PDB file of N, CA and C in Angstrom:
ATOM      1  N   UNK A   1      -4.448  28.704 -17.842  1.00  0.00           N
ATOM      2  CA  UNK A   1      -3.704  29.402 -18.865  1.00  0.00           C
ATOM      3  C   UNK A   1      -3.899  30.900 -18.718  1.00  0.00           C
ATOM      4  N   UNK A   2      -2.855  31.598 -19.040  1.00  0.00           N
ATOM      5  CA  UNK A   2      -2.913  33.049 -19.027  1.00  0.00           C
ATOM      6  C   UNK A   2      -3.525  33.535 -20.347  1.00  0.00           C
ATOM      7  N   UNK A   3      -3.890  34.790 -20.379  1.00  0.00           N
ATOM      8  CA  UNK A   3      -4.410  35.334 -21.640  1.00  0.00           C
ATOM      9  C   UNK A   3      -3.383  35.111 -22.756  1.00  0.00           C
ATOM     10  N   UNK A   4      -3.866  34.809 -23.938  1.00  0.00           N
ATOM     11  CA  UNK A   4      -2.978  34.568 -25.066  1.00  0.00           C
ATOM     12  C   UNK A   4      -2.592  33.107 -25.204  1.00  0.00           C
ATOM     13  N   UNK A   5      -3.143  32.252 -24.338  1.00  0.00           N
ATOM     14  CA  UNK A   5      -2.885  30.827 -24.451  1.00  0.00           C
ATOM     15  C   UNK A   5      -1.573  30.364 -23.842  1.00  0.00           C
ATOM     16  N   UNK A   6      -0.883  31.224 -23.101  1.00  0.00           N
ATOM     17  CA  UNK A   6       0.386  30.839 -22.481  1.00  0.00           C
ATOM     18  C   UNK A   6       0.134  30.174 -21.127  1.00  0.00           C
ATOM     19  N   UNK A   7       0.824  29.056 -20.850  1.00  0.00           N
ATOM     20  CA  UNK A   7       0.634  28.398 -19.556  1.00  0.00           C
ATOM     21  C   UNK A   7       1.195  29.258 -18.424  1.00  0.00           C
ATOM     22  N   UNK A   8       0.582  29.140 -17.274  1.00  0.00           N
ATOM     23  CA  UNK A   8       1.013  29.863 -16.086  1.00  0.00           C
ATOM     24  C   UNK A   8       2.220  29.134 -15.503  1.00  0.00           C
ATOM     25  N   UNK A   9       3.377  29.785 -15.503  1.00  0.00           N
ATOM     26  CA  UNK A   9       4.616  29.154 -15.056  1.00  0.00           C
ATOM     27  C   UNK A   9       4.536  28.754 -13.587  1.00  0.00           C
ATOM     28  N   UNK A  10       3.884  29.545 -12.763  1.00  0.00           N
ATOM     29  CA  UNK A  10       3.745  29.197 -11.341  1.00  0.00           C
ATOM     30  C   UNK A  10       2.961  27.898 -11.184  1.00  0.00           C
ATOM     31  N   UNK A  11       1.914  27.738 -11.970  1.00  0.00           N
ATOM     32  CA  UNK A  11       1.089  26.535 -11.909  1.00  0.00           C
ATOM     33  C   UNK A  11       1.887  25.315 -12.368  1.00  0.00           C
ATOM     34  N   UNK A  12       2.683  25.482 -13.417  1.00  0.00           N
ATOM     35  CA  UNK A  12       3.521  24.385 -13.910  1.00  0.00           C
ATOM     36  C   UNK A  12       4.531  23.978 -12.835  1.00  0.00           C
ATOM     37  N   UNK A  13       5.159  24.948 -12.186  1.00  0.00           N
ATOM     38  CA  UNK A  13       6.146  24.649 -11.142  1.00  0.00           C
ATOM     39  C   UNK A  13       5.478  23.958  -9.946  1.00  0.00           C
ATOM     40  N   UNK A  14       4.283  24.400  -9.603  1.00  0.00           N
ATOM     41  CA  UNK A  14       3.550  23.783  -8.501  1.00  0.00           C
ATOM     42  C   UNK A  14       3.248  22.322  -8.826  1.00  0.00           C
ATOM     43  N   UNK A  15       2.787  22.068 -10.042  1.00  0.00           N
ATOM     44  CA  UNK A  15       2.482  20.698 -10.461  1.00  0.00           C
ATOM     45  C   UNK A  15       3.742  19.839 -10.478  1.00  0.00           C
ATOM     46  N   UNK A  16       4.852  20.400 -10.919  1.00  0.00           N
ATOM     47  CA  UNK A  16       6.117  19.656 -10.949  1.00  0.00           C
ATOM     48  C   UNK A  16       6.565  19.294  -9.533  1.00  0.00           C
ATOM     49  N   UNK A  17       6.417  20.221  -8.600  1.00  0.00           N
ATOM     50  CA  UNK A  17       6.790  19.951  -7.214  1.00  0.00           C
ATOM     51  C   UNK A  17       5.896  18.874  -6.611  1.00  0.00           C
ATOM     52  N   UNK A  18       4.608  18.932  -6.900  1.00  0.00           N
ATOM     53  CA  UNK A  18       3.680  17.912  -6.398  1.00  0.00           C
ATOM     54  C   UNK A  18       4.028  16.542  -6.972  1.00  0.00           C
ATOM     55  N   UNK A  19       4.348  16.503  -8.257  1.00  0.00           N
ATOM     56  CA  UNK A  19       4.707  15.246  -8.896  1.00  0.00           C
ATOM     57  C   UNK A  19       6.005  14.694  -8.310  1.00  0.00           C
ATOM     58  N   UNK A  20       6.968  15.570  -8.045  1.00  0.00           N
ATOM     59  CA  UNK A  20       8.234  15.137  -7.454  1.00  0.00           C
ATOM     60  C   UNK A  20       7.998  14.554  -6.060  1.00  0.00           C
ATOM     61  N   UNK A  21       7.134  15.169  -5.289  1.00  0.00           N
ATOM     62  CA  UNK A  21       6.820  14.664  -3.952  1.00  0.00           C
ATOM     63  C   UNK A  21       6.126  13.299  -4.047  1.00  0.00           C
ATOM     64  N   UNK A  22       5.199  13.147  -4.987  1.00  0.00           N
ATOM     65  CA  UNK A  22       4.523  11.864  -5.178  1.00  0.00           C
ATOM     66  C   UNK A  22       5.517  10.790  -5.597  1.00  0.00           C
ATOM     67  N   UNK A  23       6.461  11.152  -6.447  1.00  0.00           N
ATOM     68  CA  UNK A  23       7.485  10.212  -6.911  1.00  0.00           C
ATOM     69  C   UNK A  23       8.366   9.770  -5.740  1.00  0.00           C
ATOM     70  N   UNK A  24       8.773  10.703  -4.897  1.00  0.00           N
ATOM     71  CA  UNK A  24       9.593  10.357  -3.737  1.00  0.00           C
ATOM     72  C   UNK A  24       8.827   9.450  -2.776  1.00  0.00           C
ATOM     73  N   UNK A  25       7.552   9.734  -2.574  1.00  0.00           N
ATOM     74  CA  UNK A  25       6.726   8.900  -1.704  1.00  0.00           C
ATOM     75  C   UNK A  25       6.616   7.489  -2.268  1.00  0.00           C
ATOM     76  N   UNK A  26       6.385   7.384  -3.568  1.00  0.00           N
ATOM     77  CA  UNK A  26       6.275   6.074  -4.207  1.00  0.00           C
ATOM     78  C   UNK A  26       7.592   5.307  -4.089  1.00  0.00           C
ATOM     79  N   UNK A  27       8.728   5.988  -4.258  1.00  0.00           N
ATOM     80  CA  UNK A  27      10.031   5.334  -4.134  1.00  0.00           C
ATOM     81  C   UNK A  27      10.258   4.838  -2.707  1.00  0.00           C
ATOM     82  N   UNK A  28       9.847   5.611  -1.715  1.00  0.00           N
ATOM     83  CA  UNK A  28       9.976   5.186  -0.316  1.00  0.00           C
ATOM     84  C   UNK A  28       9.097   3.973  -0.037  1.00  0.00           C
ATOM     85  N   UNK A  29       7.892   3.986  -0.582  1.00  0.00           N
ATOM     86  CA  UNK A  29       6.985   2.850  -0.392  1.00  0.00           C
ATOM     87  C   UNK A  29       7.561   1.588  -1.043  1.00  0.00           C
ATOM     88  N   UNK A  30       8.165   1.737  -2.219  1.00  0.00           N
ATOM     89  CA  UNK A  30       8.776   0.592  -2.897  1.00  0.00           C
ATOM     90  C   UNK A  30       9.945   0.037  -2.094  1.00  0.00           C
ATOM     91  N   UNK A  31      10.768   0.917  -1.542  1.00  0.00           N
ATOM     92  CA  UNK A  31      11.924   0.466  -0.768  1.00  0.00           C
ATOM     93  C   UNK A  31      11.483  -0.282   0.487  1.00  0.00           C
ATOM     94  N   UNK A  32      10.326   0.075   1.039  1.00  0.00           N
ATOM     95  CA  UNK A  32       9.835  -0.561   2.264  1.00  0.00           C
ATOM     96  C   UNK A  32       9.033  -1.833   1.979  1.00  0.00           C
ATOM     97  N   UNK A  33       8.450  -1.935   0.796  1.00  0.00           N
ATOM     98  CA  UNK A  33       7.614  -3.090   0.461  1.00  0.00           C
ATOM     99  C   UNK A  33       8.485  -4.320   0.226  1.00  0.00           C
ATOM    100  N   UNK A  34       7.957  -5.484   0.577  1.00  0.00           N
ATOM    101  CA  UNK A  34       8.663  -6.727   0.323  1.00  0.00           C
ATOM    102  C   UNK A  34       7.757  -7.676  -0.450  1.00  0.00           C
ATOM    103  N   UNK A  35       8.344  -8.362  -1.434  1.00  0.00           N
ATOM    104  CA  UNK A  35       7.621  -9.360  -2.217  1.00  0.00           C
ATOM    105  C   UNK A  35       8.441 -10.644  -2.229  1.00  0.00           C
ATOM    106  N   UNK A  36       7.741 -11.768  -2.410  1.00  0.00           N
ATOM    107  CA  UNK A  36       8.396 -13.076  -2.416  1.00  0.00           C
ATOM    108  C   UNK A  36       8.352 -13.693  -3.796  1.00  0.00           C
ATOM    109  N   UNK A  37       9.337 -14.532  -4.037  1.00  0.00           N
ATOM    110  CA  UNK A  37       9.371 -15.360  -5.232  1.00  0.00           C
ATOM    111  C   UNK A  37       9.745 -16.764  -4.799  1.00  0.00           C
ATOM    112  N   UNK A  38       9.218 -17.761  -5.481  1.00  0.00           N
ATOM    113  CA  UNK A  38       9.500 -19.144  -5.093  1.00  0.00           C
ATOM    114  C   UNK A  38       9.952 -19.956  -6.292  1.00  0.00           C
ATOM    115  N   UNK A  39      10.573 -21.086  -5.974  1.00  0.00           N
ATOM    116  CA  UNK A  39      10.984 -22.043  -7.006  1.00  0.00           C
ATOM    117  C   UNK A  39      10.973 -23.428  -6.387  1.00  0.00           C
ATOM    118  N   UNK A  40      10.972 -24.434  -7.255  1.00  0.00           N
ATOM    119  CA  UNK A  40      11.006 -25.811  -6.768  1.00  0.00           C
ATOM    120  C   UNK A  40       9.779 -26.173  -5.970  1.00  0.00           C
ATOM    121  N   UNK A  41       8.631 -25.650  -6.367  1.00  0.00           N
ATOM    122  CA  UNK A  41       7.402 -25.954  -5.642  1.00  0.00           C
ATOM    123  C   UNK A  41       7.421 -25.431  -4.210  1.00  0.00           C
ATOM    124  N   UNK A  42       8.116 -24.327  -3.987  1.00  0.00           N
ATOM    125  CA  UNK A  42       8.173 -23.722  -2.656  1.00  0.00           C
ATOM    126  C   UNK A  42       9.379 -24.155  -1.837  1.00  0.00           C
ATOM    127  N   UNK A  43      10.276 -24.928  -2.430  1.00  0.00           N
ATOM    128  CA  UNK A  43      11.467 -25.357  -1.692  1.00  0.00           C
ATOM    129  C   UNK A  43      12.435 -24.207  -1.449  1.00  0.00           C
ATOM    130  N   UNK A  44      12.407 -23.205  -2.318  1.00  0.00           N
ATOM    131  CA  UNK A  44      13.247 -22.020  -2.163  1.00  0.00           C
ATOM    132  C   UNK A  44      12.362 -20.790  -2.278  1.00  0.00           C
ATOM    133  N   UNK A  45      12.485 -19.894  -1.297  1.00  0.00           N
ATOM    134  CA  UNK A  45      11.729 -18.646  -1.307  1.00  0.00           C
ATOM    135  C   UNK A  45      12.693 -17.477  -1.139  1.00  0.00           C
ATOM    136  N   UNK A  46      12.615 -16.518  -2.050  1.00  0.00           N
ATOM    137  CA  UNK A  46      13.430 -15.308  -1.981  1.00  0.00           C
ATOM    138  C   UNK A  46      12.513 -14.134  -1.662  1.00  0.00           C
ATOM    139  N   UNK A  47      13.009 -13.223  -0.848  1.00  0.00           N
ATOM    140  CA  UNK A  47      12.278 -12.005  -0.507  1.00  0.00           C
ATOM    141  C   UNK A  47      13.099 -10.810  -0.974  1.00  0.00           C
ATOM    142  N   UNK A  48      12.475  -9.948  -1.764  1.00  0.00           N
ATOM    143  CA  UNK A  48      13.136  -8.731  -2.224  1.00  0.00           C
ATOM    144  C   UNK A  48      12.242  -7.537  -1.911  1.00  0.00           C
ATOM    145  N   UNK A  49      12.871  -6.366  -1.848  1.00  0.00           N
ATOM    146  CA  UNK A  49      12.095  -5.143  -1.672  1.00  0.00           C
ATOM    147  C   UNK A  49      11.481  -4.770  -3.010  1.00  0.00           C
ATOM    148  N   UNK A  50      10.549  -3.853  -2.963  1.00  0.00           N
ATOM    149  CA  UNK A  50       9.925  -3.373  -4.191  1.00  0.00           C
ATOM    150  C   UNK A  50      10.923  -2.713  -5.123  1.00  0.00           C
ATOM    151  N   UNK A  51      12.065  -2.287  -4.587  1.00  0.00           N
ATOM    152  CA  UNK A  51      13.097  -1.686  -5.431  1.00  0.00           C
ATOM    153  C   UNK A  51      14.133  -2.713  -5.887  1.00  0.00           C
ATOM    154  N   UNK A  52      13.938  -3.998  -5.520  1.00  0.00           N
ATOM    155  CA  UNK A  52      14.787  -5.067  -6.034  1.00  0.00           C
ATOM    156  C   UNK A  52      15.923  -5.533  -5.148  1.00  0.00           C
ATOM    157  N   UNK A  53      16.006  -5.046  -3.920  1.00  0.00           N
ATOM    158  CA  UNK A  53      17.075  -5.469  -3.014  1.00  0.00           C
ATOM    159  C   UNK A  53      16.717  -6.811  -2.381  1.00  0.00           C
ATOM    160  N   UNK A  54      17.622  -7.790  -2.497  1.00  0.00           N
ATOM    161  CA  UNK A  54      17.408  -9.105  -1.896  1.00  0.00           C
ATOM    162  C   UNK A  54      17.498  -8.969  -0.379  1.00  0.00           C
ATOM    163  N   UNK A  55      16.421  -9.350   0.319  1.00  0.00           N
ATOM    164  CA  UNK A  55      16.362  -9.209   1.778  1.00  0.00           C
ATOM    165  C   UNK A  55      16.431 -10.542   2.507  1.00  0.00           C
ATOM    166  N   UNK A  56      16.006 -11.622   1.855  1.00  0.00           N
ATOM    167  CA  UNK A  56      16.000 -12.899   2.539  1.00  0.00           C
ATOM    168  C   UNK A  56      15.918 -14.057   1.565  1.00  0.00           C
ATOM    169  N   UNK A  57      16.390 -15.201   2.047  1.00  0.00           N
ATOM    170  CA  UNK A  57      16.366 -16.412   1.250  1.00  0.00           C
ATOM    171  C   UNK A  57      16.120 -17.577   2.194  1.00  0.00           C
ATOM    172  N   UNK A  58      15.070 -18.352   1.915  1.00  0.00           N
ATOM    173  CA  UNK A  58      14.728 -19.507   2.742  1.00  0.00           C
ATOM    174  C   UNK A  58      14.842 -20.746   1.860  1.00  0.00           C
ATOM    175  N   UNK A  59      15.620 -21.712   2.335  1.00  0.00           N
ATOM    176  CA  UNK A  59      15.814 -22.952   1.601  1.00  0.00           C
ATOM    177  C   UNK A  59      15.325 -24.105   2.468  1.00  0.00           C
ATOM    178  N   UNK A  60      14.319 -24.818   1.971  1.00  0.00           N
ATOM    179  CA  UNK A  60      13.805 -25.990   2.672  1.00  0.00           C
ATOM    180  C   UNK A  60      14.907 -27.052   2.685  1.00  0.00           C
ATOM    181  N   UNK A  61      15.148 -27.703   3.830  1.00  0.00           N
ATOM    182  CA  UNK A  61      16.185 -28.735   3.898  1.00  0.00           C
ATOM    183  C   UNK A  61      16.019 -29.833   2.849  1.00  0.00           C
ATOM    184  N   UNK A  62      14.790 -30.076   2.411  1.00  0.00           N
ATOM    185  CA  UNK A  62      14.562 -31.093   1.383  1.00  0.00           C
ATOM    186  C   UNK A  62      15.225 -30.727   0.054  1.00  0.00           C
ATOM    187  N   UNK A  63      15.528 -29.437  -0.138  1.00  0.00           N
ATOM    188  CA  UNK A  63      16.140 -28.990  -1.385  1.00  0.00           C
ATOM    189  C   UNK A  63      17.646 -29.219  -1.396  1.00  0.00           C
ATOM    190  N   UNK A  64      18.215 -29.555  -0.229  1.00  0.00           N
ATOM    191  CA  UNK A  64      19.661 -29.680  -0.113  1.00  0.00           C
ATOM    192  C   UNK A  64      20.087 -31.125  -0.366  1.00  0.00           C
ATOM    193  N   UNK A  65      20.754 -31.335  -1.489  1.00  0.00           N
ATOM    194  CA  UNK A  65      21.318 -32.629  -1.848  1.00  0.00           C
ATOM    195  C   UNK A  65      22.800 -32.396  -2.107  1.00  0.00           C
ATOM    196  N   UNK A  66      23.671 -32.867  -1.197  1.00  0.00           N
ATOM    197  CA  UNK A  66      25.105 -32.618  -1.355  1.00  0.00           C
ATOM    198  C   UNK A  66      25.652 -33.125  -2.697  1.00  0.00           C
ATOM    199  N   UNK A  67      24.952 -34.063  -3.306  1.00  0.00           N
ATOM    200  CA  UNK A  67      25.398 -34.608  -4.584  1.00  0.00           C
ATOM    201  C   UNK A  67      24.917 -33.765  -5.771  1.00  0.00           C
ATOM    202  N   UNK A  68      24.004 -32.822  -5.504  1.00  0.00           N
ATOM    203  CA  UNK A  68      23.426 -32.048  -6.602  1.00  0.00           C
ATOM    204  C   UNK A  68      23.223 -30.596  -6.179  1.00  0.00           C
ATOM    205  N   UNK A  69      24.310 -29.888  -5.957  1.00  0.00           N
ATOM    206  CA  UNK A  69      24.207 -28.479  -5.566  1.00  0.00           C
ATOM    207  C   UNK A  69      23.806 -27.598  -6.753  1.00  0.00           C
ATOM    208  N   UNK A  70      24.001 -28.097  -7.955  1.00  0.00           N
ATOM    209  CA  UNK A  70      23.650 -27.322  -9.146  1.00  0.00           C
ATOM    210  C   UNK A  70      22.143 -27.067  -9.214  1.00  0.00           C
ATOM    211  N   UNK A  71      21.340 -28.071  -8.890  1.00  0.00           N
ATOM    212  CA  UNK A  71      19.890 -27.896  -8.903  1.00  0.00           C
ATOM    213  C   UNK A  71      19.469 -26.876  -7.849  1.00  0.00           C
ATOM    214  N   UNK A  72      20.092 -26.935  -6.676  1.00  0.00           N
ATOM    215  CA  UNK A  72      19.783 -25.960  -5.625  1.00  0.00           C
ATOM    216  C   UNK A  72      20.124 -24.546  -6.102  1.00  0.00           C
ATOM    217  N   UNK A  73      21.291 -24.385  -6.718  1.00  0.00           N
ATOM    218  CA  UNK A  73      21.686 -23.072  -7.226  1.00  0.00           C
ATOM    219  C   UNK A  73      20.683 -22.576  -8.259  1.00  0.00           C
ATOM    220  N   UNK A  74      20.235 -23.477  -9.136  1.00  0.00           N
ATOM    221  CA  UNK A  74      19.235 -23.100 -10.142  1.00  0.00           C
ATOM    222  C   UNK A  74      17.932 -22.644  -9.486  1.00  0.00           C
ATOM    223  N   UNK A  75      17.521 -23.341  -8.422  1.00  0.00           N
ATOM    224  CA  UNK A  75      16.283 -22.958  -7.724  1.00  0.00           C
ATOM    225  C   UNK A  75      16.440 -21.609  -7.047  1.00  0.00           C
ATOM    226  N   UNK A  76      17.621 -21.321  -6.481  1.00  0.00           N
ATOM    227  CA  UNK A  76      17.858 -20.024  -5.847  1.00  0.00           C
ATOM    228  C   UNK A  76      17.758 -18.922  -6.900  1.00  0.00           C
ATOM    229  N   UNK A  77      18.413 -19.118  -8.027  1.00  0.00           N
ATOM    230  CA  UNK A  77      18.349 -18.127  -9.104  1.00  0.00           C
ATOM    231  C   UNK A  77      16.904 -17.931  -9.564  1.00  0.00           C
ATOM    232  N   UNK A  78      16.176 -19.015  -9.728  1.00  0.00           N
ATOM    233  CA  UNK A  78      14.783 -18.926 -10.180  1.00  0.00           C
ATOM    234  C   UNK A  78      13.910 -18.203  -9.157  1.00  0.00           C
ATOM    235  N   UNK A  79      14.128 -18.469  -7.875  1.00  0.00           N
ATOM    236  CA  UNK A  79      13.332 -17.808  -6.833  1.00  0.00           C
ATOM    237  C   UNK A  79      13.619 -16.314  -6.796  1.00  0.00           C
ATOM    238  N   UNK A  80      14.890 -15.943  -6.913  1.00  0.00           N
ATOM    239  CA  UNK A  80      15.255 -14.518  -6.914  1.00  0.00           C
ATOM    240  C   UNK A  80      14.680 -13.848  -8.159  1.00  0.00           C
ATOM    241  N   UNK A  81      14.756 -14.514  -9.289  1.00  0.00           N
ATOM    242  CA  UNK A  81      14.189 -13.960 -10.525  1.00  0.00           C
ATOM    243  C   UNK A  81      12.678 -13.771 -10.381  1.00  0.00           C
ATOM    244  N   UNK A  82      11.996 -14.747  -9.791  1.00  0.00           N
ATOM    245  CA  UNK A  82      10.553 -14.657  -9.580  1.00  0.00           C
ATOM    246  C   UNK A  82      10.218 -13.479  -8.661  1.00  0.00           C
ATOM    247  N   UNK A  83      10.998 -13.326  -7.596  1.00  0.00           N
ATOM    248  CA  UNK A  83      10.766 -12.212  -6.670  1.00  0.00           C
ATOM    249  C   UNK A  83      11.021 -10.877  -7.364  1.00  0.00           C
ATOM    250  N   UNK A  84      12.074 -10.794  -8.172  1.00  0.00           N
ATOM    251  CA  UNK A  84      12.362  -9.557  -8.893  1.00  0.00           C
ATOM    252  C   UNK A  84      11.269  -9.236  -9.908  1.00  0.00           C
ATOM    253  N   UNK A  85      10.705 -10.264 -10.539  1.00  0.00           N
ATOM    254  CA  UNK A  85       9.579 -10.031 -11.450  1.00  0.00           C
ATOM    255  C   UNK A  85       8.408  -9.411 -10.687  1.00  0.00           C
ATOM    256  N   UNK A  86       8.151  -9.924  -9.487  1.00  0.00           N
ATOM    257  CA  UNK A  86       7.071  -9.371  -8.658  1.00  0.00           C
ATOM    258  C   UNK A  86       7.397  -7.941  -8.247  1.00  0.00           C
ATOM    259  N   UNK A  87       8.659  -7.673  -7.946  1.00  0.00           N
ATOM    260  CA  UNK A  87       9.066  -6.310  -7.582  1.00  0.00           C
ATOM    261  C   UNK A  87       8.874  -5.363  -8.758  1.00  0.00           C
ATOM    262  N   UNK A  88       9.195  -5.821  -9.969  1.00  0.00           N
ATOM    263  CA  UNK A  88       8.998  -4.990 -11.166  1.00  0.00           C
ATOM    264  C   UNK A  88       7.521  -4.681 -11.378  1.00  0.00           C
ATOM    265  N   UNK A  89       6.676  -5.672 -11.149  1.00  0.00           N
ATOM    266  CA  UNK A  89       5.233  -5.451 -11.284  1.00  0.00           C
ATOM    267  C   UNK A  89       4.752  -4.424 -10.263  1.00  0.00           C
ATOM    268  N   UNK A  90       5.261  -4.546  -9.026  1.00  0.00           N
ATOM    269  CA  UNK A  90       4.893  -3.591  -7.984  1.00  0.00           C
ATOM    270  C   UNK A  90       5.372  -2.189  -8.352  1.00  0.00           C
ATOM    271  N   UNK A  91       6.584  -2.099  -8.881  1.00  0.00           N
ATOM    272  CA  UNK A  91       7.130  -0.804  -9.282  1.00  0.00           C
ATOM    273  C   UNK A  91       6.280  -0.191 -10.392  1.00  0.00           C
ATOM    274  N   UNK A  92       5.910  -0.998 -11.367  1.00  0.00           N
ATOM    275  CA  UNK A  92       5.080  -0.490 -12.469  1.00  0.00           C
ATOM    276  C   UNK A  92       3.734  -0.005 -11.951  1.00  0.00           C
ATOM    277  N   UNK A  93       3.197  -0.735 -10.981  1.00  0.00           N
ATOM    278  CA  UNK A  93       1.908  -0.365 -10.392  1.00  0.00           C
ATOM    279  C   UNK A  93       2.009   0.968  -9.655  1.00  0.00           C
ATOM    280  N   UNK A  94       3.086   1.140  -8.871  1.00  0.00           N
ATOM    281  CA  UNK A  94       3.248   2.362  -8.079  1.00  0.00           C
ATOM    282  C   UNK A  94       3.691   3.549  -8.922  1.00  0.00           C
ATOM    283  N   UNK A  95       4.586   3.307  -9.882  1.00  0.00           N
ATOM    284  CA  UNK A  95       5.195   4.398 -10.628  1.00  0.00           C
ATOM    285  C   UNK A  95       4.459   4.711 -11.923  1.00  0.00           C
ATOM    286  N   UNK A  96       3.663   3.758 -12.415  1.00  0.00           N
ATOM    287  CA  UNK A  96       2.979   3.952 -13.684  1.00  0.00           C
ATOM    288  C   UNK A  96       2.196   5.238 -13.785  1.00  0.00           C
ATOM    289  N   UNK A  97       1.316   5.514 -12.808  1.00  0.00           N
ATOM    290  CA  UNK A  97       0.540   6.760 -12.900  1.00  0.00           C
ATOM    291  C   UNK A  97       1.420   8.005 -12.867  1.00  0.00           C
ATOM    292  N   UNK A  98       2.517   7.947 -12.121  1.00  0.00           N
ATOM    293  CA  UNK A  98       3.413   9.102 -12.051  1.00  0.00           C
ATOM    294  C   UNK A  98       4.185   9.256 -13.347  1.00  0.00           C
ATOM    295  N   UNK A  99       4.611   8.143 -13.929  1.00  0.00           N
ATOM    296  CA  UNK A  99       5.361   8.194 -15.179  1.00  0.00           C
ATOM    297  C   UNK A  99       4.500   8.773 -16.293  1.00  0.00           C
ATOM    298  N   UNK A 100       3.215   8.471 -16.260  1.00  0.00           N
ATOM    299  CA  UNK A 100       2.315   8.989 -17.273  1.00  0.00           C
ATOM    300  C   UNK A 100       2.223  10.499 -17.255  1.00  0.00           C
ATOM    301  N   UNK A 101       2.461  11.106 -16.090  1.00  0.00           N
ATOM    302  CA  UNK A 101       2.410  12.555 -15.969  1.00  0.00           C
ATOM    303  C   UNK A 101       3.680  13.240 -16.418  1.00  0.00           C
ATOM    304  N   UNK A 102       4.694  12.458 -16.805  1.00  0.00           N
ATOM    305  CA  UNK A 102       5.958  13.041 -17.235  1.00  0.00           C
ATOM    306  C   UNK A 102       6.075  13.050 -18.754  1.00  0.00           C
ATOM    307  N   UNK A 103       5.040  13.468 -19.416  1.00  0.00           N
ATOM    308  CA  UNK A 103       5.113  13.587 -20.859  1.00  0.00           C
ATOM    309  C   UNK A 103       4.874  12.291 -21.596  1.00  0.00           C
ATOM    310  N   UNK A 104       4.087  11.385 -21.014  1.00  0.00           N
ATOM    311  CA  UNK A 104       3.725  10.188 -21.739  1.00  0.00           C
ATOM    312  C   UNK A 104       4.468   8.954 -21.309  1.00  0.00           C
ATOM    313  N   UNK A 105       5.342   9.050 -20.345  1.00  0.00           N
ATOM    314  CA  UNK A 105       6.030   7.845 -19.868  1.00  0.00           C
ATOM    315  C   UNK A 105       7.488   8.086 -19.603  1.00  0.00           C
ATOM    316  N   UNK A 106       8.045   7.248 -18.752  1.00  0.00           N
ATOM    317  CA  UNK A 106       9.438   7.368 -18.377  1.00  0.00           C
ATOM    318  C   UNK A 106      10.350   7.153 -19.578  1.00  0.00           C
ATOM    319  N   UNK A 107       9.950   6.332 -20.523  1.00  0.00           N
ATOM    320  CA  UNK A 107      10.786   6.061 -21.679  1.00  0.00           C
ATOM    321  C   UNK A 107      11.069   7.312 -22.499  1.00  0.00           C
ATOM    322  N   UNK A 108      10.206   8.293 -22.402  1.00  0.00           N
ATOM    323  CA  UNK A 108      10.376   9.519 -23.159  1.00  0.00           C
ATOM    324  C   UNK A 108      11.469  10.412 -22.597  1.00  0.00           C
ATOM    325  N   UNK A 109      11.966  10.102 -21.407  1.00  0.00           N
ATOM    326  CA  UNK A 109      12.978  10.949 -20.802  1.00  0.00           C
ATOM    327  C   UNK A 109      14.357  10.692 -21.392  1.00  0.00           C
ATOM    328  N   UNK A 110      14.521   9.569 -22.069  1.00  0.00           N
ATOM    329  CA  UNK A 110      15.814   9.256 -22.673  1.00  0.00           C
ATOM    330  C   UNK A 110      16.862   8.881 -21.643  1.00  0.00           C
ATOM    331  N   UNK A 111      16.444   8.425 -20.476  1.00  0.00           N
ATOM    332  CA  UNK A 111      17.393   8.047 -19.441  1.00  0.00           C
ATOM    333  C   UNK A 111      17.677   6.557 -19.527  1.00  0.00           C
ATOM    334  N   UNK A 112      18.921   6.160 -19.308  1.00  0.00           N
ATOM    335  CA  UNK A 112      19.225   4.721 -19.336  1.00  0.00           C
ATOM    336  C   UNK A 112      18.456   3.994 -18.251  1.00  0.00           C
ATOM    337  N   UNK A 113      17.914   2.853 -18.604  1.00  0.00           N
ATOM    338  CA  UNK A 113      17.205   2.034 -17.635  1.00  0.00           C
ATOM    339  C   UNK A 113      15.798   2.497 -17.322  1.00  0.00           C
ATOM    340  N   UNK A 114      15.345   3.541 -17.943  1.00  0.00           N
ATOM    341  CA  UNK A 114      14.003   4.056 -17.658  1.00  0.00           C
ATOM    342  C   UNK A 114      13.076   3.725 -18.791  1.00  0.00           C
TER     343      UNK A 114
END
């Protein structure tokens, strides 16, 4: 702080730039990270990136019943949902400390989806 209790603007800008760089690094790490979700006792496995992009889907042949495609579809949805839940947890883990430095959390920014 400068005399009189005023914050040093250069120091604030430096901290903001450092935080922005950390945020970009965390976003790159999330985009590169992959997490899996499963359903049906492992009959369906979905792979998504840490940012939520579906990258792969593996379906065990035992899950394929031509008479019951609805159950297979349900397992695919459940596996993707499970993988996305894991991606959200990873995102919270990576971004949480950075969000805390933005005035108490991302929710305080008033941005949709944050």
